[in-house]
Protein backbone atom coordinates (compact mmCIF):
# COMPACT_ATOMS: atom_id res chain seq x y z
CA MET A 1 0.00 0.00 0.00
CA ASN A 2 1.22 3.42 -0.80
CA ASP A 3 0.63 6.58 1.21
CA SER A 4 -2.36 7.85 -0.78
CA GLU A 5 -4.20 4.54 -0.42
CA MET A 6 -3.54 4.48 3.33
CA ARG A 7 -4.73 8.07 3.59
CA ARG A 8 -7.95 7.23 1.68
CA ARG A 9 -8.62 4.24 3.95
CA GLU A 10 -8.08 6.37 7.04
CA LEU A 11 -10.43 9.07 5.72
CA LEU A 12 -13.02 6.41 4.89
CA ARG A 13 -12.75 4.95 8.40
CA GLN A 14 -13.13 8.42 9.96
CA THR A 15 -16.14 9.17 7.75
CA ARG A 16 -17.82 5.89 8.65
CA ARG A 17 -17.22 6.56 12.34
CA LEU A 18 -18.61 10.08 11.95
CA TYR A 19 -21.78 9.01 10.12
CA GLU A 20 -22.43 5.63 11.69
CA ASP A 21 -26.06 4.75 12.35
CA LYS A 22 -26.68 5.83 15.93
CA LYS A 23 -30.44 5.20 15.81
CA GLU A 24 -31.12 8.86 16.50
CA ILE A 25 -34.32 10.44 15.34
CA PRO A 26 -33.56 12.85 12.51
CA ALA A 27 -34.64 16.48 12.69
CA VAL A 28 -38.19 16.55 11.36
CA HIS A 29 -41.21 18.80 11.52
CA PRO A 30 -43.08 18.37 14.84
CA ARG A 31 -46.15 17.17 12.95
CA TYR A 32 -44.26 14.05 11.89
CA GLY A 33 -42.49 13.48 15.20
CA ARG A 34 -44.77 10.64 16.27
CA ILE A 35 -44.17 8.76 13.02
CA CYS A 36 -40.41 9.05 13.48
CA GLN A 37 -40.67 7.87 17.08
CA ASP A 38 -42.58 4.82 15.88
CA LEU A 39 -39.92 4.10 13.23
CA TYR A 40 -36.80 4.78 15.28
CA GLY A 41 -38.08 4.24 18.82
CA ALA A 42 -37.61 6.61 21.74
CA LYS A 43 -34.18 7.98 22.58
CA ASP A 44 -32.31 6.59 25.56
CA GLY A 45 -33.65 8.12 28.76
CA GLU A 46 -36.67 9.57 27.00
CA GLN A 47 -40.06 8.32 28.05
CA GLU A 48 -42.72 7.60 25.49
CA THR A 49 -45.66 9.97 25.33
CA SER A 50 -49.03 8.76 26.50
CA GLY A 51 -51.48 7.24 24.09
CA GLY A 52 -53.88 10.16 24.08
CA THR A 53 -56.67 11.77 26.00
CA PHE A 54 -59.17 8.93 25.98
CA TYR A 55 -59.35 8.56 29.76
CA ILE A 56 -59.74 12.30 30.31
CA ARG A 57 -62.57 12.43 27.77
CA LEU A 58 -64.17 9.36 29.36
CA VAL A 59 -64.13 10.94 32.84
CA VAL A 60 -65.56 14.23 31.53
CA SER A 61 -68.34 12.43 29.65
CA ILE A 62 -69.23 10.36 32.73
CA LEU A 63 -69.29 13.56 34.79
CA PHE A 64 -71.64 15.21 32.27
CA PHE A 65 -73.90 12.14 32.30
CA VAL A 66 -74.07 12.11 36.10
CA CYS A 67 -74.95 15.83 36.10
CA PHE A 68 -77.65 15.19 33.49
CA VAL A 69 -79.16 12.34 35.52
CA TYR A 70 -79.08 14.54 38.65
CA MET A 71 -80.86 17.34 36.74
CA GLU A 72 -83.46 14.87 35.46
CA GLN A 73 -84.16 13.30 38.87
CA SER A 74 -84.32 16.50 40.90
CA ASP A 75 -85.88 18.78 38.24
CA ALA A 76 -82.97 21.17 38.77
CA LYS A 77 -82.21 24.13 36.52
CA ILE A 78 -78.65 25.22 35.95
CA ALA A 79 -78.19 28.56 34.15
CA GLN A 80 -81.89 28.50 33.17
CA VAL A 81 -81.43 25.15 31.43
CA ASP A 82 -83.15 21.95 32.49
CA SER A 83 -82.86 18.37 31.28
CA THR A 84 -85.70 18.70 28.75
CA ALA A 85 -83.93 21.64 27.07
CA ILE A 86 -80.79 19.52 26.76
CA VAL A 87 -82.76 16.63 25.23
CA ASN A 88 -84.48 19.02 22.81
CA GLN A 89 -81.13 20.43 21.65
CA ILE A 90 -79.75 16.92 21.12
CA GLU A 91 -82.82 15.83 19.13
CA LYS A 92 -82.97 19.05 17.12
CA GLU A 93 -82.35 18.45 13.42
CA VAL A 94 -79.89 20.80 11.84
CA ASP A 95 -80.62 21.85 8.28
CA VAL A 96 -77.33 21.27 6.49
CA ASP A 97 -76.81 22.76 3.04
CA THR A 98 -74.77 19.99 1.41
CA GLU A 99 -74.43 21.87 -1.87
CA ALA A 100 -72.75 24.82 -0.11
CA ILE A 101 -70.38 22.46 1.69
CA ALA A 102 -69.47 20.70 -1.57
CA GLU A 103 -68.85 24.08 -3.25
CA VAL A 104 -66.52 25.17 -0.45
CA TRP A 105 -64.54 21.92 -0.70
CA LYS A 106 -64.19 22.27 -4.48
CA SER A 107 -62.84 25.83 -4.33
CA PRO A 108 -59.06 26.21 -3.82
């Protein structure tokens, strides 16, 4: 081996050491961060984020249901609203203009 070949091998070894696959998540837009975490896994010492807000939404919905049942059983009014007004708003049909919605989606 001559000097230039040894120098090229040394530079190649240094480059490989510099760019070796360290399993680090590349710099990406925050919107795609979850996808990259799924592909590369979490970094060492970094805890995974929770799966979502399902349990919080479940607790809030149960709380609302309990309040509704309480209003229904005791004929209570909260902020001038009783349980029949809530049922009427839920059952109320909303007139949706589908043509206007389709036109909005077609426009750029």
